[in-house]
């Protein structure tokens, strides 16, 4: 099963060229991942009912604790509670900005330095769920893969499908 998941994840990343900027799979790939991962423990993400706040919380929970600044780590439980209840684009946008600011600079890929200023400006002006979901996908794709917990490999395909669904609404 792990080999199937690894192969599926690898295939999703290789063939998602049209979504390379956001790091998200195509709709067909997301459906395939959803179908194949329904039996993977810990990969439960409801793409039809999952809100943007819940997706922010799932991302946060799957980042290694050592990736956070001390201040953010101390307030992480409160942050995830707020994220789970966030229902408006402005609330979610504020949470994304906090999450990005709460990650150590070393937690990001080298490309983040060039993207950060533009991303932060877009996050500050985001007014729609679609914009915030796109920003969430961009943030996740700029976090160094070594800074995720091991379970992220199982959760990520369905999480990405949820982000993709919200970013297309």
C-alpha atoms as a PDB file:
ATOM      1  CA  UNK A   1       0.000   0.000   0.000  1.00  0.00           C
ATOM      2  CA  UNK A   2       2.835   2.404   0.834  1.00  0.00           C
ATOM      3  CA  UNK A   3       4.399   1.694  -2.553  1.00  0.00           C
ATOM      4  CA  UNK A   4       1.099   2.493  -4.276  1.00  0.00           C
ATOM      5  CA  UNK A   5       0.764   5.740  -2.329  1.00  0.00           C
ATOM      6  CA  UNK A   6       4.371   6.692  -3.041  1.00  0.00           C
ATOM      7  CA  UNK A   7       3.944   5.898  -6.731  1.00  0.00           C
ATOM      8  CA  UNK A   8       0.680   7.842  -6.870  1.00  0.00           C
ATOM      9  CA  UNK A   9       2.190  10.855  -5.136  1.00  0.00           C
ATOM     10  CA  UNK A  10       5.218  10.746  -7.444  1.00  0.00           C
ATOM     11  CA  UNK A  11       2.966  10.500 -10.505  1.00  0.00           C
ATOM     12  CA  UNK A  12       0.866  13.422  -9.302  1.00  0.00           C
ATOM     13  CA  UNK A  13       3.914  15.620  -8.945  1.00  0.00           C
ATOM     14  CA  UNK A  14       5.423  14.621 -12.281  1.00  0.00           C
ATOM     15  CA  UNK A  15       2.270  15.066 -14.336  1.00  0.00           C
ATOM     16  CA  UNK A  16       0.897  18.212 -12.685  1.00  0.00           C
ATOM     17  CA  UNK A  17       2.780  20.594 -14.971  1.00  0.00           C
ATOM     18  CA  UNK A  18      -0.248  22.794 -15.546  1.00  0.00           C
ATOM     19  CA  UNK A  19      -0.421  23.445 -11.817  1.00  0.00           C
ATOM     20  CA  UNK A  20       3.318  23.692 -11.202  1.00  0.00           C
ATOM     21  CA  UNK A  21       3.097  27.259  -9.934  1.00  0.00           C
ATOM     22  CA  UNK A  22       0.661  26.261  -7.195  1.00  0.00           C
ATOM     23  CA  UNK A  23       1.948  22.717  -6.793  1.00  0.00           C
ATOM     24  CA  UNK A  24      -1.552  21.279  -7.119  1.00  0.00           C
ATOM     25  CA  UNK A  25      -2.739  18.229  -9.068  1.00  0.00           C
ATOM     26  CA  UNK A  26      -5.192  18.455 -11.951  1.00  0.00           C
ATOM     27  CA  UNK A  27      -8.850  17.677 -11.282  1.00  0.00           C
ATOM     28  CA  UNK A  28      -8.520  14.189 -12.767  1.00  0.00           C
ATOM     29  CA  UNK A  29      -5.450  13.465 -10.674  1.00  0.00           C
ATOM     30  CA  UNK A  30      -7.216  14.711  -7.555  1.00  0.00           C
ATOM     31  CA  UNK A  31     -10.147  12.367  -8.250  1.00  0.00           C
ATOM     32  CA  UNK A  32      -7.754   9.455  -8.795  1.00  0.00           C
ATOM     33  CA  UNK A  33      -5.927  10.245  -5.548  1.00  0.00           C
ATOM     34  CA  UNK A  34      -9.216  10.516  -3.673  1.00  0.00           C
ATOM     35  CA  UNK A  35     -10.359   7.142  -4.977  1.00  0.00           C
ATOM     36  CA  UNK A  36      -7.087   5.351  -4.278  1.00  0.00           C
ATOM     37  CA  UNK A  37      -6.474   6.883  -0.851  1.00  0.00           C
ATOM     38  CA  UNK A  38      -9.871   6.225   0.703  1.00  0.00           C
ATOM     39  CA  UNK A  39      -8.404   3.234   2.509  1.00  0.00           C
ATOM     40  CA  UNK A  40      -5.239   4.951   3.753  1.00  0.00           C
ATOM     41  CA  UNK A  41      -5.452   5.565   7.525  1.00  0.00           C
ATOM     42  CA  UNK A  42      -4.920   9.199   8.463  1.00  0.00           C
ATOM     43  CA  UNK A  43      -5.746  10.483   4.986  1.00  0.00           C
ATOM     44  CA  UNK A  44      -9.327  11.423   5.709  1.00  0.00           C
ATOM     45  CA  UNK A  45     -10.002  14.796   4.136  1.00  0.00           C
ATOM     46  CA  UNK A  46     -13.503  15.584   2.987  1.00  0.00           C
ATOM     47  CA  UNK A  47     -13.029  17.620  -0.161  1.00  0.00           C
ATOM     48  CA  UNK A  48     -16.729  18.372  -0.453  1.00  0.00           C
ATOM     49  CA  UNK A  49     -17.315  19.736   3.050  1.00  0.00           C
ATOM     50  CA  UNK A  50     -13.829  20.873   4.104  1.00  0.00           C
ATOM     51  CA  UNK A  51     -13.593  24.595   4.701  1.00  0.00           C
ATOM     52  CA  UNK A  52     -10.569  26.771   4.089  1.00  0.00           C
ATOM     53  CA  UNK A  53      -9.911  27.096   7.830  1.00  0.00           C
ATOM     54  CA  UNK A  54      -9.852  23.352   8.296  1.00  0.00           C
ATOM     55  CA  UNK A  55      -7.380  23.006   5.426  1.00  0.00           C
ATOM     56  CA  UNK A  56      -5.125  25.625   7.049  1.00  0.00           C
ATOM     57  CA  UNK A  57      -5.337  23.672  10.302  1.00  0.00           C
ATOM     58  CA  UNK A  58      -4.472  20.378   8.570  1.00  0.00           C
ATOM     59  CA  UNK A  59      -1.441  21.960   6.927  1.00  0.00           C
ATOM     60  CA  UNK A  60      -0.306  23.452  10.239  1.00  0.00           C
ATOM     61  CA  UNK A  61      -0.743  20.145  12.064  1.00  0.00           C
ATOM     62  CA  UNK A  62       1.414  18.363   9.490  1.00  0.00           C
ATOM     63  CA  UNK A  63       4.374  20.725   9.737  1.00  0.00           C
ATOM     64  CA  UNK A  64       7.183  19.544  12.029  1.00  0.00           C
ATOM     65  CA  UNK A  65       7.214  21.402  15.355  1.00  0.00           C
ATOM     66  CA  UNK A  66      10.864  22.400  14.850  1.00  0.00           C
ATOM     67  CA  UNK A  67       9.818  24.449  11.793  1.00  0.00           C
ATOM     68  CA  UNK A  68       7.923  27.012  13.884  1.00  0.00           C
ATOM     69  CA  UNK A  69       9.282  30.020  15.697  1.00  0.00           C
ATOM     70  CA  UNK A  70       9.134  29.725  19.480  1.00  0.00           C
ATOM     71  CA  UNK A  71       6.388  32.356  19.691  1.00  0.00           C
ATOM     72  CA  UNK A  72       4.195  30.591  17.125  1.00  0.00           C
ATOM     73  CA  UNK A  73       4.824  27.152  18.648  1.00  0.00           C
ATOM     74  CA  UNK A  74       3.617  28.437  22.019  1.00  0.00           C
ATOM     75  CA  UNK A  75       0.360  29.699  20.477  1.00  0.00           C
ATOM     76  CA  UNK A  76      -0.144  26.876  17.958  1.00  0.00           C
ATOM     77  CA  UNK A  77      -3.095  25.243  19.802  1.00  0.00           C
ATOM     78  CA  UNK A  78      -4.951  28.572  19.827  1.00  0.00           C
ATOM     79  CA  UNK A  79      -4.043  29.115  16.170  1.00  0.00           C
ATOM     80  CA  UNK A  80      -5.434  25.735  15.075  1.00  0.00           C
ATOM     81  CA  UNK A  81      -8.628  26.352  17.064  1.00  0.00           C
ATOM     82  CA  UNK A  82      -9.079  29.676  15.267  1.00  0.00           C
ATOM     83  CA  UNK A  83      -8.249  28.058  11.929  1.00  0.00           C
ATOM     84  CA  UNK A  84     -10.831  25.316  12.375  1.00  0.00           C
ATOM     85  CA  UNK A  85     -13.532  27.909  12.994  1.00  0.00           C
ATOM     86  CA  UNK A  86     -12.470  30.380  10.283  1.00  0.00           C
ATOM     87  CA  UNK A  87     -15.287  30.734   7.807  1.00  0.00           C
ATOM     88  CA  UNK A  88     -14.571  33.979   5.975  1.00  0.00           C
ATOM     89  CA  UNK A  89     -11.859  34.750   3.433  1.00  0.00           C
ATOM     90  CA  UNK A  90     -10.550  37.649   5.532  1.00  0.00           C
ATOM     91  CA  UNK A  91     -10.195  35.458   8.638  1.00  0.00           C
ATOM     92  CA  UNK A  92      -8.476  32.720   6.624  1.00  0.00           C
ATOM     93  CA  UNK A  93      -6.182  35.249   4.962  1.00  0.00           C
ATOM     94  CA  UNK A  94      -5.112  36.586   8.352  1.00  0.00           C
ATOM     95  CA  UNK A  95      -4.396  33.054   9.520  1.00  0.00           C
ATOM     96  CA  UNK A  96      -2.285  32.350   6.434  1.00  0.00           C
ATOM     97  CA  UNK A  97      -0.242  35.474   7.074  1.00  0.00           C
ATOM     98  CA  UNK A  98       0.263  34.392  10.693  1.00  0.00           C
ATOM     99  CA  UNK A  99       1.275  30.893   9.625  1.00  0.00           C
ATOM    100  CA  UNK A 100       3.785  32.202   7.080  1.00  0.00           C
ATOM    101  CA  UNK A 101       5.207  34.546   9.709  1.00  0.00           C
ATOM    102  CA  UNK A 102       5.324  31.761  12.287  1.00  0.00           C
ATOM    103  CA  UNK A 103       7.580  29.542  10.213  1.00  0.00           C
ATOM    104  CA  UNK A 104      11.336  29.875  10.525  1.00  0.00           C
ATOM    105  CA  UNK A 105      12.983  31.195   7.345  1.00  0.00           C
ATOM    106  CA  UNK A 106      14.866  27.897   7.067  1.00  0.00           C
ATOM    107  CA  UNK A 107      11.517  26.073   6.774  1.00  0.00           C
ATOM    108  CA  UNK A 108      10.989  27.374   3.252  1.00  0.00           C
ATOM    109  CA  UNK A 109      12.435  26.405  -0.089  1.00  0.00           C
ATOM    110  CA  UNK A 110      14.988  28.723  -1.648  1.00  0.00           C
ATOM    111  CA  UNK A 111      12.328  30.095  -4.025  1.00  0.00           C
ATOM    112  CA  UNK A 112      10.294  31.546  -1.154  1.00  0.00           C
ATOM    113  CA  UNK A 113      12.578  34.553  -0.762  1.00  0.00           C
ATOM    114  CA  UNK A 114      11.653  35.738  -4.258  1.00  0.00           C
ATOM    115  CA  UNK A 115       7.961  34.934  -3.773  1.00  0.00           C
ATOM    116  CA  UNK A 116       7.381  36.079  -0.196  1.00  0.00           C
ATOM    117  CA  UNK A 117       6.812  39.813  -0.755  1.00  0.00           C
ATOM    118  CA  UNK A 118       4.347  39.270  -3.598  1.00  0.00           C
ATOM    119  CA  UNK A 119       2.618  36.453  -1.681  1.00  0.00           C
ATOM    120  CA  UNK A 120       2.233  38.591   1.469  1.00  0.00           C
ATOM    121  CA  UNK A 121       0.776  41.474  -0.556  1.00  0.00           C
ATOM    122  CA  UNK A 122      -1.706  39.094  -2.192  1.00  0.00           C
ATOM    123  CA  UNK A 123      -2.605  37.604   1.213  1.00  0.00           C
ATOM    124  CA  UNK A 124      -3.276  41.061   2.666  1.00  0.00           C
ATOM    125  CA  UNK A 125      -5.616  41.930  -0.210  1.00  0.00           C
ATOM    126  CA  UNK A 126      -7.361  38.534  -0.595  1.00  0.00           C
ATOM    127  CA  UNK A 127     -11.142  38.879  -0.412  1.00  0.00           C
ATOM    128  CA  UNK A 128     -12.424  35.609  -1.852  1.00  0.00           C
ATOM    129  CA  UNK A 129     -12.185  31.977  -0.836  1.00  0.00           C
ATOM    130  CA  UNK A 130     -10.691  31.221  -4.244  1.00  0.00           C
ATOM    131  CA  UNK A 131      -7.842  33.704  -3.660  1.00  0.00           C
ATOM    132  CA  UNK A 132      -7.141  32.412  -0.150  1.00  0.00           C
ATOM    133  CA  UNK A 133      -7.173  28.770  -1.292  1.00  0.00           C
ATOM    134  CA  UNK A 134      -4.709  29.605  -4.070  1.00  0.00           C
ATOM    135  CA  UNK A 135      -2.455  31.343  -1.525  1.00  0.00           C
ATOM    136  CA  UNK A 136      -2.696  28.325   0.782  1.00  0.00           C
ATOM    137  CA  UNK A 137      -1.544  26.036  -2.029  1.00  0.00           C
ATOM    138  CA  UNK A 138       1.319  28.384  -2.859  1.00  0.00           C
ATOM    139  CA  UNK A 139       2.424  28.567   0.773  1.00  0.00           C
ATOM    140  CA  UNK A 140       2.416  24.780   1.148  1.00  0.00           C
ATOM    141  CA  UNK A 141       4.382  24.314  -2.063  1.00  0.00           C
ATOM    142  CA  UNK A 142       7.069  26.684  -0.755  1.00  0.00           C
ATOM    143  CA  UNK A 143       7.602  24.828   2.521  1.00  0.00           C
ATOM    144  CA  UNK A 144      10.673  22.617   2.359  1.00  0.00           C
ATOM    145  CA  UNK A 145       9.453  18.987   2.140  1.00  0.00           C
ATOM    146  CA  UNK A 146      11.824  18.045   4.987  1.00  0.00           C
ATOM    147  CA  UNK A 147       9.744  20.215   7.323  1.00  0.00           C
ATOM    148  CA  UNK A 148       6.638  18.054   7.101  1.00  0.00           C
ATOM    149  CA  UNK A 149       5.750  15.180   9.384  1.00  0.00           C
ATOM    150  CA  UNK A 150       5.794  11.681   7.879  1.00  0.00           C
ATOM    151  CA  UNK A 151       1.987  11.498   7.781  1.00  0.00           C
ATOM    152  CA  UNK A 152       1.869  14.397   5.301  1.00  0.00           C
ATOM    153  CA  UNK A 153       2.667  12.051   2.422  1.00  0.00           C
ATOM    154  CA  UNK A 154      -0.616  10.233   3.146  1.00  0.00           C
ATOM    155  CA  UNK A 155      -2.705  13.346   3.760  1.00  0.00           C
ATOM    156  CA  UNK A 156      -1.310  15.638   1.070  1.00  0.00           C
ATOM    157  CA  UNK A 157      -3.070  14.312  -2.068  1.00  0.00           C
ATOM    158  CA  UNK A 158      -6.522  14.680  -0.533  1.00  0.00           C
ATOM    159  CA  UNK A 159      -5.586  17.962   1.142  1.00  0.00           C
ATOM    160  CA  UNK A 160      -4.478  19.289  -2.262  1.00  0.00           C
ATOM    161  CA  UNK A 161      -7.741  18.108  -3.776  1.00  0.00           C
ATOM    162  CA  UNK A 162      -9.621  20.096  -1.116  1.00  0.00           C
ATOM    163  CA  UNK A 163      -7.519  23.195  -1.815  1.00  0.00           C
ATOM    164  CA  UNK A 164      -8.022  22.775  -5.555  1.00  0.00           C
ATOM    165  CA  UNK A 165     -11.782  22.478  -5.119  1.00  0.00           C
ATOM    166  CA  UNK A 166     -11.940  25.667  -3.044  1.00  0.00           C
ATOM    167  CA  UNK A 167      -9.627  27.536  -5.410  1.00  0.00           C
ATOM    168  CA  UNK A 168     -11.876  26.723  -8.365  1.00  0.00           C
ATOM    169  CA  UNK A 169     -15.108  27.910  -6.695  1.00  0.00           C
END
